[in-house]
Amino acid sequence: MENKRDQVIVYGGTGYYGREVVRGLVNKGVSVKVLSRDSAKAQVTLGEDVEVIQGDVTDHQTIVESLRNVTAIIICLSAMSNKLIRKIKLIERDAVLAIMAEAKNQNISRLIYMSGYEMRAQLLNSQIRFQLDNFRRCTSI
């Protein structure tokens, strides 16, 4: 990912782990963009080296547009806050599945899914596990 033409989008890039992922990529000279509900706050948090897109990950059209010109995806989404906990299924399942489906539609073959949850097969949401396994079979990952 060190090619200057590469652009990585980090979903959840303003969160606890996402900020560290973004910081690490920027320090390596990677072009990074982040989707945020509050672009002004995100820009202050992440700095001028990050392209911040205003939008909500639960909106399908926003996902489609945010993936334009992207060569890799990192998903660090979490709804484990008082403000978002009621949207946990919408953010941590539905949005993740929508990102994966759109990545496939746009022929983006590099995707990293980070989760704070235990990843044992019996605990991982079966739809996300199926989609991850299917994505892995269909791409170069």
Protein backbone atom coordinates (compact mmCIF):
# COMPACT_ATOMS: atom_id res chain seq x y z
CA MET A 1 0.00 0.00 0.00
CA GLU A 2 2.96 2.28 -0.30
CA ASN A 3 2.17 3.27 -3.89
CA LYS A 4 1.18 6.96 -4.02
CA ARG A 5 -1.75 6.07 -6.30
CA ASP A 6 -3.21 3.82 -3.63
CA GLN A 7 -5.94 5.29 -1.50
CA VAL A 8 -7.27 3.59 1.60
CA ILE A 9 -10.60 4.34 3.22
CA VAL A 10 -10.93 3.70 6.92
CA TYR A 11 -14.51 3.26 8.12
CA GLY A 12 -14.57 4.07 11.83
CA GLY A 13 -11.44 6.15 11.36
CA THR A 14 -12.35 8.60 14.12
CA GLY A 15 -12.89 5.90 16.72
CA TYR A 16 -10.42 4.65 19.32
CA TYR A 17 -8.67 2.05 17.13
CA GLY A 18 -9.51 3.69 13.83
CA ARG A 19 -7.55 6.83 14.71
CA GLU A 20 -4.47 4.71 15.33
CA VAL A 21 -4.92 2.92 12.01
CA VAL A 22 -5.27 6.27 10.22
CA ARG A 23 -2.23 7.70 12.02
CA GLY A 24 -0.13 4.68 11.06
CA LEU A 25 -1.14 4.85 7.40
CA VAL A 26 -0.50 8.60 7.19
CA ASN A 27 2.93 8.13 8.81
CA LYS A 28 3.75 5.62 6.04
CA GLY A 29 2.76 8.12 3.37
CA VAL A 30 -0.46 6.38 2.36
CA SER A 31 -3.33 8.46 1.01
CA VAL A 32 -6.18 8.02 3.50
CA LYS A 33 -9.80 9.04 3.53
CA VAL A 34 -12.33 8.67 6.31
CA LEU A 35 -16.11 8.83 6.34
CA SER A 36 -17.51 10.83 9.25
CA ARG A 37 -20.88 12.12 10.41
CA ASP A 38 -19.08 15.28 11.61
CA SER A 39 -16.44 16.19 9.04
CA ALA A 40 -15.24 19.36 10.81
CA LYS A 41 -14.58 17.52 14.07
CA ALA A 42 -12.98 14.61 12.20
CA GLN A 43 -10.65 16.94 10.30
CA VAL A 44 -9.47 18.50 13.58
CA THR A 45 -8.99 15.05 15.13
CA LEU A 46 -7.21 13.46 12.16
CA GLY A 47 -5.32 16.40 10.67
CA GLU A 48 -5.02 17.92 7.23
CA ASP A 49 -3.28 14.89 5.68
CA VAL A 50 -6.54 12.91 5.76
CA GLU A 51 -9.40 13.42 3.32
CA VAL A 52 -12.60 13.51 5.34
CA ILE A 53 -15.94 12.81 3.71
CA GLN A 54 -19.15 13.95 5.39
CA GLY A 55 -21.71 11.15 5.57
CA ASP A 56 -23.25 8.28 7.44
CA VAL A 57 -22.10 4.70 6.97
CA THR A 58 -25.71 3.52 7.27
CA ASP A 59 -26.57 5.27 3.99
CA HIS A 60 -25.92 3.01 0.99
CA GLN A 61 -25.33 5.83 -1.49
CA THR A 62 -22.73 7.32 0.87
CA ILE A 63 -20.90 3.98 0.89
CA VAL A 64 -20.96 3.82 -2.91
CA GLU A 65 -19.58 7.34 -3.26
CA SER A 66 -16.99 6.94 -0.49
CA LEU A 67 -15.45 3.95 -2.26
CA ARG A 68 -14.70 5.82 -5.49
CA ASN A 69 -10.98 5.77 -6.35
CA VAL A 70 -10.21 3.54 -3.35
CA THR A 71 -7.82 0.60 -3.65
CA ALA A 72 -8.18 -0.79 -0.11
CA ILE A 73 -10.70 -0.74 2.72
CA ILE A 74 -10.22 -0.97 6.47
CA ILE A 75 -13.36 -1.42 8.56
CA CYS A 76 -13.04 -0.42 12.23
CA LEU A 77 -16.71 0.31 12.87
CA SER A 78 -18.11 0.19 16.37
CA ALA A 79 -21.42 1.28 17.85
CA MET A 80 -20.30 0.75 21.44
CA SER A 81 -21.07 4.22 22.67
CA ASN A 82 -24.08 5.65 24.45
CA LYS A 83 -24.91 7.70 21.38
CA LEU A 84 -24.84 4.78 18.91
CA ILE A 85 -25.66 1.62 20.88
CA ARG A 86 -29.24 1.54 19.59
CA LYS A 87 -27.88 1.38 16.04
CA ILE A 88 -25.49 -1.52 16.69
CA LYS A 89 -27.13 -3.89 14.19
CA LEU A 90 -27.40 -1.17 11.57
CA ILE A 91 -23.76 -0.12 11.93
CA GLU A 92 -21.88 -3.27 12.89
CA ARG A 93 -23.77 -5.72 10.69
CA ASP A 94 -25.78 -4.03 7.95
CA ALA A 95 -23.21 -1.35 7.10
CA VAL A 96 -20.34 -3.85 7.15
CA LEU A 97 -22.22 -6.16 4.78
CA ALA A 98 -23.07 -3.22 2.52
CA ILE A 99 -19.41 -2.12 2.41
CA MET A 100 -18.31 -5.65 1.50
CA ALA A 101 -20.95 -5.97 -1.22
CA GLU A 102 -20.05 -2.60 -2.73
CA ALA A 103 -16.33 -3.42 -2.55
CA LYS A 104 -17.07 -6.47 -4.67
CA ASN A 105 -19.18 -4.36 -7.09
CA GLN A 106 -16.30 -1.88 -7.47
CA ASN A 107 -13.64 -4.62 -7.77
CA ILE A 108 -11.82 -3.54 -4.62
CA SER A 109 -9.95 -6.66 -3.58
CA ARG A 110 -8.17 -5.50 -0.42
CA LEU A 111 -10.26 -5.34 2.72
CA ILE A 112 -9.40 -5.58 6.40
CA TYR A 113 -12.18 -6.07 8.92
CA MET A 114 -11.22 -5.20 12.49
CA SER A 115 -13.53 -6.08 15.33
CA GLY A 116 -13.33 -5.74 19.08
CA TYR A 117 -15.49 -8.81 19.41
CA GLU A 118 -14.28 -12.33 19.89
CA MET A 119 -13.98 -13.90 16.46
CA ARG A 120 -14.79 -17.54 17.29
CA ALA A 121 -17.03 -19.02 14.62
CA GLN A 122 -19.96 -19.65 16.94
CA LEU A 123 -19.93 -16.03 18.17
CA LEU A 124 -19.30 -14.18 14.92
CA ASN A 125 -22.49 -13.09 13.18
CA SER A 126 -23.10 -15.79 10.60
CA GLN A 127 -23.91 -13.29 7.82
CA ILE A 128 -20.67 -11.38 8.31
CA ARG A 129 -18.66 -14.60 8.56
CA PHE A 130 -20.24 -15.90 5.34
CA GLN A 131 -19.57 -12.60 3.59
CA LEU A 132 -15.95 -12.51 4.80
CA ASP A 133 -15.36 -16.08 3.65
CA ASN A 134 -17.04 -15.37 0.31
CA PHE A 135 -15.09 -12.12 -0.14
CA ARG A 136 -11.83 -13.93 0.62
CA ARG A 137 -12.60 -16.61 -2.01
CA CYS A 138 -13.46 -14.00 -4.67
CA THR A 139 -10.46 -11.74 -4.21
CA SER A 140 -6.70 -11.89 -3.88
CA ILE A 141 -6.81 -11.75 -0.07
